[in-house]
Every structure is written in C-alpha cells, then in structure tokens.
Amino acid sequence: MSSVNLMAREVAAKIVFYGPGLSGKTTTLRKVYETVRPAHRGEMMSIATEGDRTLFFDFLPVKVERVGDCSVRLALYTVPGQVFYNATRKLVLQGADGVVFVADSQAEAMDANRESLANLEENLLENGIRLDRFPLVMQWNKRDLEGTLSVEELRRELNPRGVPDFETAATNGRGVLDTLKTITRLVIKDLRAKRIVPPPRP
C-alpha cells in the first residue's frame, strides 16, 4: 500500500499487527493512539464483537517523525485473531509494507502463537511474499503477567530468524512505541531498497 507524494515529500506505509486472538493487538493500537499527539493521529476505527474482540480490523492513521527529508504517515491495522476469519486476515494483509507479530507470552498460548505465525507465512506467500524477506518485528506481549515464558524460549520457538523483538505490556504501554519505531525503520529501509522512497537529498 506504500505510496510517495514527491511534492509533499510524504511517504504512506501500511503496517499490520498480526497474532492470535486476545494476544493484545487491539490494546497495542489503543495505547499507540493514547500516546501519539492528537495533531499527529487520525481517528481510530474499530469493529468489534459483543465480547469486545476485534472482528475485522482496527485502522489508525498516524503521522510519525520525518525520515530524512520525508515525513511518514502510517496506516496501522490489526487482523482478527480468530482462525475462522482467515479471509478477513488475508484482505487486511494485502498491500502491507511490514508486520508486527504480537505473541502472547503465556505458556498456554504457545500453540496459538505457532498457528498464527504459520498462518501469517502462508497468507503472505499467497501474495507472493516470503516472510524471511519481509519487514517483521516480534512483540512479546503480556510481560506484566505472572508465569510467562522466558524471552529465550519465545525466541527459540517463534523467532529463529532473529528479527528485532521487544518485551511489551500493551495494557500500560511498556515497549509498544519502541516496537512501532523499529518496524517503521525496517519498512522505510525496505522501501528505499525497492526505490519506492526517494533517497535523502544531498
């Protein structure tokens, strides 16, 4: 979905927050929304079920700091965590420039994390994209809870590629903005490599 307005020197990019149900994707976006200055954010749209689980997606346009001499506008989306909404996941993933995988750090969620990560890889492949060549950041969420898995174990199971990862607690915002800044940097680097984003002016 990336686009460049050369006159305004503005880059628009799409980042999708992916992960199993109840891992904290929507909570993460809400915390970003609360943290970003009102002048730099659009409206947050959310379609949820009665149980307040995101059914389709959240969409939050955010204007972030300048990269070189370009300003960057991010469209942030989440996918539904529930497996039976896979068609919607595919739709939301179309045109994505990068993904934050929000993993639930609780031991009982590991199978769901693995399933969701495999599903991400499969859905990207359908769009002709290999996950190992795509901007990706791992978010180890719910680190504020008791009895979570160690980061080493999460890395071993879910991050063998060694992409950037962050311990987060979306409910209080810890680590959330660091995650967003890192995926933004990776996306811009990737768009520059593809010559979508112009190089910095001399």
C-alpha atoms as a PDB file:
ATOM      1  CA  MET A   1       0.000   0.000   0.000  1.00  0.00           C
ATOM      2  CA  SER A   2       3.031   2.251   0.208  1.00  0.00           C
ATOM      3  CA  SER A   3       2.841   5.469  -1.769  1.00  0.00           C
ATOM      4  CA  VAL A   4       5.026   8.535  -2.112  1.00  0.00           C
ATOM      5  CA  ASN A   5       3.882  12.123  -2.583  1.00  0.00           C
ATOM      6  CA  LEU A   6       7.029  13.703  -4.005  1.00  0.00           C
ATOM      7  CA  MET A   7       5.628  17.227  -3.869  1.00  0.00           C
ATOM      8  CA  ALA A   8       4.805  16.936  -0.172  1.00  0.00           C
ATOM      9  CA  ARG A   9       7.804  14.637   0.478  1.00  0.00           C
ATOM     10  CA  GLU A  10       5.443  12.311   2.324  1.00  0.00           C
ATOM     11  CA  VAL A  11       5.579   8.512   2.430  1.00  0.00           C
ATOM     12  CA  ALA A  12       2.480   6.492   3.318  1.00  0.00           C
ATOM     13  CA  ALA A  13       3.016   2.932   4.554  1.00  0.00           C
ATOM     14  CA  LYS A  14       0.786   0.156   5.914  1.00  0.00           C
ATOM     15  CA  ILE A  15       1.745  -1.870   8.984  1.00  0.00           C
ATOM     16  CA  VAL A  16      -0.334  -4.829  10.151  1.00  0.00           C
ATOM     17  CA  PHE A  17      -0.405  -6.181  13.708  1.00  0.00           C
ATOM     18  CA  TYR A  18      -0.827  -9.949  13.448  1.00  0.00           C
ATOM     19  CA  GLY A  19      -1.217 -12.606  16.107  1.00  0.00           C
ATOM     20  CA  PRO A  20      -3.599 -14.988  17.846  1.00  0.00           C
ATOM     21  CA  GLY A  21      -6.856 -13.941  19.470  1.00  0.00           C
ATOM     22  CA  LEU A  22      -6.529 -11.991  22.723  1.00  0.00           C
ATOM     23  CA  SER A  23      -2.759 -11.543  22.325  1.00  0.00           C
ATOM     24  CA  GLY A  24      -3.104  -7.763  22.706  1.00  0.00           C
ATOM     25  CA  LYS A  25      -3.191  -6.398  19.150  1.00  0.00           C
ATOM     26  CA  THR A  26      -6.101  -4.026  19.690  1.00  0.00           C
ATOM     27  CA  THR A  27      -4.817  -2.998  23.121  1.00  0.00           C
ATOM     28  CA  THR A  28      -1.481  -2.155  21.477  1.00  0.00           C
ATOM     29  CA  LEU A  29      -3.160   0.100  18.914  1.00  0.00           C
ATOM     30  CA  ARG A  30      -5.231   1.792  21.603  1.00  0.00           C
ATOM     31  CA  LYS A  31      -2.075   2.530  23.564  1.00  0.00           C
ATOM     32  CA  VAL A  32      -0.392   3.976  20.455  1.00  0.00           C
ATOM     33  CA  TYR A  33      -3.475   6.129  19.921  1.00  0.00           C
ATOM     34  CA  GLU A  34      -3.377   7.411  23.504  1.00  0.00           C
ATOM     35  CA  THR A  35       0.346   8.158  23.311  1.00  0.00           C
ATOM     36  CA  VAL A  36       0.549   9.922  19.954  1.00  0.00           C
ATOM     37  CA  ARG A  37      -0.151  13.658  19.999  1.00  0.00           C
ATOM     38  CA  PRO A  38      -3.662  14.438  18.688  1.00  0.00           C
ATOM     39  CA  ALA A  39      -2.229  16.557  15.848  1.00  0.00           C
ATOM     40  CA  HIS A  40      -0.328  13.505  14.595  1.00  0.00           C
ATOM     41  CA  ARG A  41      -3.108  10.938  14.601  1.00  0.00           C
ATOM     42  CA  GLY A  42      -6.333  10.270  12.760  1.00  0.00           C
ATOM     43  CA  GLU A  43      -9.443   8.603  14.082  1.00  0.00           C
ATOM     44  CA  MET A  44      -9.214   5.062  15.399  1.00  0.00           C
ATOM     45  CA  MET A  45     -11.835   2.848  13.819  1.00  0.00           C
ATOM     46  CA  SER A  46     -12.694  -0.479  15.365  1.00  0.00           C
ATOM     47  CA  ILE A  47     -15.230  -3.150  14.502  1.00  0.00           C
ATOM     48  CA  ALA A  48     -15.711  -5.463  17.467  1.00  0.00           C
ATOM     49  CA  THR A  49     -17.998  -8.270  18.575  1.00  0.00           C
ATOM     50  CA  GLU A  50     -20.093  -8.150  21.741  1.00  0.00           C
ATOM     51  CA  GLY A  51     -17.158  -9.613  23.658  1.00  0.00           C
ATOM     52  CA  ASP A  52     -15.001  -6.654  22.544  1.00  0.00           C
ATOM     53  CA  ARG A  53     -12.773  -8.844  20.389  1.00  0.00           C
ATOM     54  CA  THR A  54     -11.837  -7.231  17.103  1.00  0.00           C
ATOM     55  CA  LEU A  55     -13.869  -8.868  14.369  1.00  0.00           C
ATOM     56  CA  PHE A  56     -12.356  -7.235  11.329  1.00  0.00           C
ATOM     57  CA  PHE A  57      -9.691  -4.640  11.912  1.00  0.00           C
ATOM     58  CA  ASP A  58      -8.612  -1.541  13.685  1.00  0.00           C
ATOM     59  CA  PHE A  59      -7.329   1.267  11.481  1.00  0.00           C
ATOM     60  CA  LEU A  60      -5.285   4.099  12.904  1.00  0.00           C
ATOM     61  CA  PRO A  61      -3.513   6.593  10.632  1.00  0.00           C
ATOM     62  CA  VAL A  62      -0.529   8.037  12.480  1.00  0.00           C
ATOM     63  CA  LYS A  63       1.961  10.656  11.337  1.00  0.00           C
ATOM     64  CA  VAL A  64       5.406   9.882  12.698  1.00  0.00           C
ATOM     65  CA  GLU A  65       8.731  11.688  12.685  1.00  0.00           C
ATOM     66  CA  ARG A  66      10.470  12.620   9.455  1.00  0.00           C
ATOM     67  CA  VAL A  67      12.779  10.125   7.779  1.00  0.00           C
ATOM     68  CA  GLY A  68      15.489  12.107   6.058  1.00  0.00           C
ATOM     69  CA  ASP A  69      13.536  14.880   4.404  1.00  0.00           C
ATOM     70  CA  CYS A  70      10.329  12.865   4.056  1.00  0.00           C
ATOM     71  CA  SER A  71       7.521  12.772   6.581  1.00  0.00           C
ATOM     72  CA  VAL A  72       5.964   9.365   7.145  1.00  0.00           C
ATOM     73  CA  ARG A  73       2.289   8.536   7.569  1.00  0.00           C
ATOM     74  CA  LEU A  74       1.500   5.068   8.861  1.00  0.00           C
ATOM     75  CA  ALA A  75      -1.779   3.219   8.482  1.00  0.00           C
ATOM     76  CA  LEU A  76      -1.882   0.715  11.347  1.00  0.00           C
ATOM     77  CA  TYR A  77      -4.244  -2.255  11.148  1.00  0.00           C
ATOM     78  CA  THR A  78      -4.935  -5.349  13.216  1.00  0.00           C
ATOM     79  CA  VAL A  79      -6.269  -8.629  11.922  1.00  0.00           C
ATOM     80  CA  PRO A  80      -8.891 -10.728  13.699  1.00  0.00           C
ATOM     81  CA  GLY A  81      -7.207 -13.328  15.882  1.00  0.00           C
ATOM     82  CA  GLN A  82      -9.878 -15.975  15.483  1.00  0.00           C
ATOM     83  CA  VAL A  83      -8.956 -18.637  12.933  1.00  0.00           C
ATOM     84  CA  PHE A  84     -12.340 -18.665  11.187  1.00  0.00           C
ATOM     85  CA  TYR A  85     -11.828 -15.083   9.994  1.00  0.00           C
ATOM     86  CA  ASN A  86      -8.882 -16.023   7.804  1.00  0.00           C
ATOM     87  CA  ALA A  87     -10.435 -14.484   4.665  1.00  0.00           C
ATOM     88  CA  THR A  88     -10.506 -11.151   6.501  1.00  0.00           C
ATOM     89  CA  ARG A  89      -6.893 -11.605   7.641  1.00  0.00           C
ATOM     90  CA  LYS A  90      -5.886 -12.040   4.003  1.00  0.00           C
ATOM     91  CA  LEU A  91      -7.734  -8.896   2.968  1.00  0.00           C
ATOM     92  CA  VAL A  92      -6.182  -6.797   5.730  1.00  0.00           C
ATOM     93  CA  LEU A  93      -2.718  -8.165   4.921  1.00  0.00           C
ATOM     94  CA  GLN A  94      -2.948  -7.157   1.252  1.00  0.00           C
ATOM     95  CA  GLY A  95      -0.636  -4.260   0.477  1.00  0.00           C
ATOM     96  CA  ALA A  96       1.104  -4.402   3.864  1.00  0.00           C
ATOM     97  CA  ASP A  97       4.637  -2.991   3.988  1.00  0.00           C
ATOM     98  CA  GLY A  98       5.536  -4.597   7.313  1.00  0.00           C
ATOM     99  CA  VAL A  99       4.149  -6.747  10.121  1.00  0.00           C
ATOM    100  CA  VAL A 100       4.347  -6.677  13.901  1.00  0.00           C
ATOM    101  CA  PHE A 101       3.646 -10.163  15.240  1.00  0.00           C
ATOM    102  CA  VAL A 102       2.019  -9.833  18.661  1.00  0.00           C
ATOM    103  CA  ALA A 103       2.710 -13.029  20.593  1.00  0.00           C
ATOM    104  CA  ASP A 104       1.018 -13.919  23.876  1.00  0.00           C
ATOM    105  CA  SER A 105       3.826 -14.670  26.352  1.00  0.00           C
ATOM    106  CA  GLN A 106       1.725 -17.093  28.410  1.00  0.00           C
ATOM    107  CA  ALA A 107       2.737 -20.753  28.184  1.00  0.00           C
ATOM    108  CA  GLU A 108      -0.792 -21.910  27.353  1.00  0.00           C
ATOM    109  CA  ALA A 109      -0.842 -19.608  24.306  1.00  0.00           C
ATOM    110  CA  MET A 110       2.220 -21.096  22.585  1.00  0.00           C
ATOM    111  CA  ASP A 111       0.243 -23.376  20.252  1.00  0.00           C
ATOM    112  CA  ALA A 112      -1.944 -20.445  19.205  1.00  0.00           C
ATOM    113  CA  ASN A 113       1.175 -18.312  18.624  1.00  0.00           C
ATOM    114  CA  ARG A 114       2.726 -21.002  16.405  1.00  0.00           C
ATOM    115  CA  GLU A 115      -0.511 -21.462  14.474  1.00  0.00           C
ATOM    116  CA  SER A 116      -0.883 -17.732  13.875  1.00  0.00           C
ATOM    117  CA  LEU A 117       2.733 -17.309  12.746  1.00  0.00           C
ATOM    118  CA  ALA A 118       2.395 -20.216  10.298  1.00  0.00           C
ATOM    119  CA  ASN A 119      -0.844 -18.651   9.054  1.00  0.00           C
ATOM    120  CA  LEU A 120       0.926 -15.306   8.520  1.00  0.00           C
ATOM    121  CA  GLU A 121       3.624 -17.013   6.472  1.00  0.00           C
ATOM    122  CA  GLU A 122       1.028 -18.862   4.407  1.00  0.00           C
ATOM    123  CA  ASN A 123      -1.081 -15.764   3.724  1.00  0.00           C
ATOM    124  CA  LEU A 124       1.957 -13.705   2.704  1.00  0.00           C
ATOM    125  CA  LEU A 125       3.039 -16.478   0.323  1.00  0.00           C
ATOM    126  CA  GLU A 126      -0.359 -16.281  -1.366  1.00  0.00           C
ATOM    127  CA  ASN A 127       0.544 -12.654  -2.116  1.00  0.00           C
ATOM    128  CA  GLY A 128       3.929 -13.747  -3.466  1.00  0.00           C
ATOM    129  CA  ILE A 129       5.844 -12.522  -0.390  1.00  0.00           C
ATOM    130  CA  ARG A 130       8.318 -14.569   1.635  1.00  0.00           C
ATOM    131  CA  LEU A 131       8.223 -13.851   5.351  1.00  0.00           C
ATOM    132  CA  ASP A 132      12.011 -14.149   5.654  1.00  0.00           C
ATOM    133  CA  ARG A 133      12.386 -11.224   3.217  1.00  0.00           C
ATOM    134  CA  PHE A 134       9.693  -9.024   4.712  1.00  0.00           C
ATOM    135  CA  PRO A 135       9.938  -6.315   7.416  1.00  0.00           C
ATOM    136  CA  LEU A 136       8.932  -8.071  10.641  1.00  0.00           C
ATOM    137  CA  VAL A 137       9.170  -7.274  14.343  1.00  0.00           C
ATOM    138  CA  MET A 138       8.159  -9.614  17.172  1.00  0.00           C
ATOM    139  CA  GLN A 139       6.256  -8.227  20.155  1.00  0.00           C
ATOM    140  CA  TRP A 140       6.374 -10.463  23.255  1.00  0.00           C
ATOM    141  CA  ASN A 141       3.235  -9.169  24.929  1.00  0.00           C
ATOM    142  CA  LYS A 142       1.744  -9.607  28.427  1.00  0.00           C
ATOM    143  CA  ARG A 143       5.162  -9.435  30.138  1.00  0.00           C
ATOM    144  CA  ASP A 144       3.389  -7.874  33.127  1.00  0.00           C
ATOM    145  CA  LEU A 145       1.610 -11.153  33.941  1.00  0.00           C
ATOM    146  CA  GLU A 146       2.820 -13.913  36.259  1.00  0.00           C
ATOM    147  CA  GLY A 147       4.196 -17.154  34.833  1.00  0.00           C
ATOM    148  CA  THR A 148       5.081 -16.011  31.332  1.00  0.00           C
ATOM    149  CA  LEU A 149       7.566 -17.924  29.189  1.00  0.00           C
ATOM    150  CA  SER A 150      11.135 -16.674  29.116  1.00  0.00           C
ATOM    151  CA  VAL A 151      12.186 -14.462  26.214  1.00  0.00           C
ATOM    152  CA  GLU A 152      14.785 -17.107  25.295  1.00  0.00           C
ATOM    153  CA  GLU A 153      12.034 -19.712  24.910  1.00  0.00           C
ATOM    154  CA  LEU A 154       9.838 -17.364  22.874  1.00  0.00           C
ATOM    155  CA  ARG A 155      12.770 -16.587  20.594  1.00  0.00           C
ATOM    156  CA  ARG A 156      13.596 -20.252  20.162  1.00  0.00           C
ATOM    157  CA  GLU A 157      10.016 -21.168  19.272  1.00  0.00           C
ATOM    158  CA  LEU A 158       8.902 -18.134  17.284  1.00  0.00           C
ATOM    159  CA  ASN A 159      11.922 -16.104  16.201  1.00  0.00           C
ATOM    160  CA  PRO A 160      14.599 -18.412  14.792  1.00  0.00           C
ATOM    161  CA  ARG A 161      15.374 -15.752  12.156  1.00  0.00           C
ATOM    162  CA  GLY A 162      16.396 -13.319  14.903  1.00  0.00           C
ATOM    163  CA  VAL A 163      14.335 -10.327  13.795  1.00  0.00           C
ATOM    164  CA  PRO A 164      14.076  -7.417  16.270  1.00  0.00           C
ATOM    165  CA  ASP A 165      11.889  -8.288  19.239  1.00  0.00           C
ATOM    166  CA  PHE A 166      10.513  -6.386  22.228  1.00  0.00           C
ATOM    167  CA  GLU A 167       9.029  -7.257  25.579  1.00  0.00           C
ATOM    168  CA  THR A 168       5.763  -5.378  25.922  1.00  0.00           C
ATOM    169  CA  ALA A 169       2.839  -4.873  28.250  1.00  0.00           C
ATOM    170  CA  ALA A 170       0.220  -3.326  25.993  1.00  0.00           C
ATOM    171  CA  THR A 171      -2.098  -2.530  28.897  1.00  0.00           C
ATOM    172  CA  ASN A 172       0.380   0.011  30.303  1.00  0.00           C
ATOM    173  CA  GLY A 173       2.214   0.774  27.051  1.00  0.00           C
ATOM    174  CA  ARG A 174       5.642  -0.603  28.012  1.00  0.00           C
ATOM    175  CA  GLY A 175       7.668  -1.334  24.870  1.00  0.00           C
ATOM    176  CA  VAL A 176       4.837  -0.507  22.476  1.00  0.00           C
ATOM    177  CA  LEU A 177       6.356   2.628  20.925  1.00  0.00           C
ATOM    178  CA  ASP A 178       9.802   1.000  20.659  1.00  0.00           C
ATOM    179  CA  THR A 179       8.161  -1.754  18.617  1.00  0.00           C
ATOM    180  CA  LEU A 180       6.423   0.764  16.363  1.00  0.00           C
ATOM    181  CA  LYS A 181       9.585   2.828  15.819  1.00  0.00           C
ATOM    182  CA  THR A 182      11.572  -0.269  14.860  1.00  0.00           C
ATOM    183  CA  ILE A 183       9.050  -1.643  12.359  1.00  0.00           C
ATOM    184  CA  THR A 184       8.802   1.856  10.843  1.00  0.00           C
ATOM    185  CA  ARG A 185      12.589   1.968  10.367  1.00  0.00           C
ATOM    186  CA  LEU A 186      12.585  -1.502   8.775  1.00  0.00           C
ATOM    187  CA  VAL A 187       9.734  -0.566   6.433  1.00  0.00           C
ATOM    188  CA  ILE A 188      11.453   2.650   5.304  1.00  0.00           C
ATOM    189  CA  LYS A 189      14.713   0.771   4.750  1.00  0.00           C
ATOM    190  CA  ASP A 190      12.845  -1.825   2.655  1.00  0.00           C
ATOM    191  CA  LEU A 191      11.012   0.852   0.635  1.00  0.00           C
ATOM    192  CA  ARG A 192      14.324   2.599  -0.053  1.00  0.00           C
ATOM    193  CA  ALA A 193      15.858  -0.687  -1.217  1.00  0.00           C
ATOM    194  CA  LYS A 194      12.896  -1.074  -3.605  1.00  0.00           C
ATOM    195  CA  ARG A 195      13.386   2.551  -4.723  1.00  0.00           C
ATOM    196  CA  ILE A 196       9.852   3.455  -3.633  1.00  0.00           C
ATOM    197  CA  VAL A 197      11.119   6.007  -1.124  1.00  0.00           C
ATOM    198  CA  PRO A 198      13.465   8.617  -2.608  1.00  0.00           C
ATOM    199  CA  PRO A 199      16.974   8.771  -1.156  1.00  0.00           C
ATOM    200  CA  PRO A 200      17.789  11.700   1.136  1.00  0.00           C
ATOM    201  CA  ARG A 201      18.547  14.941  -0.700  1.00  0.00           C
ATOM    202  CA  PRO A 202      22.271  15.731  -0.848  1.00  0.00           C
END
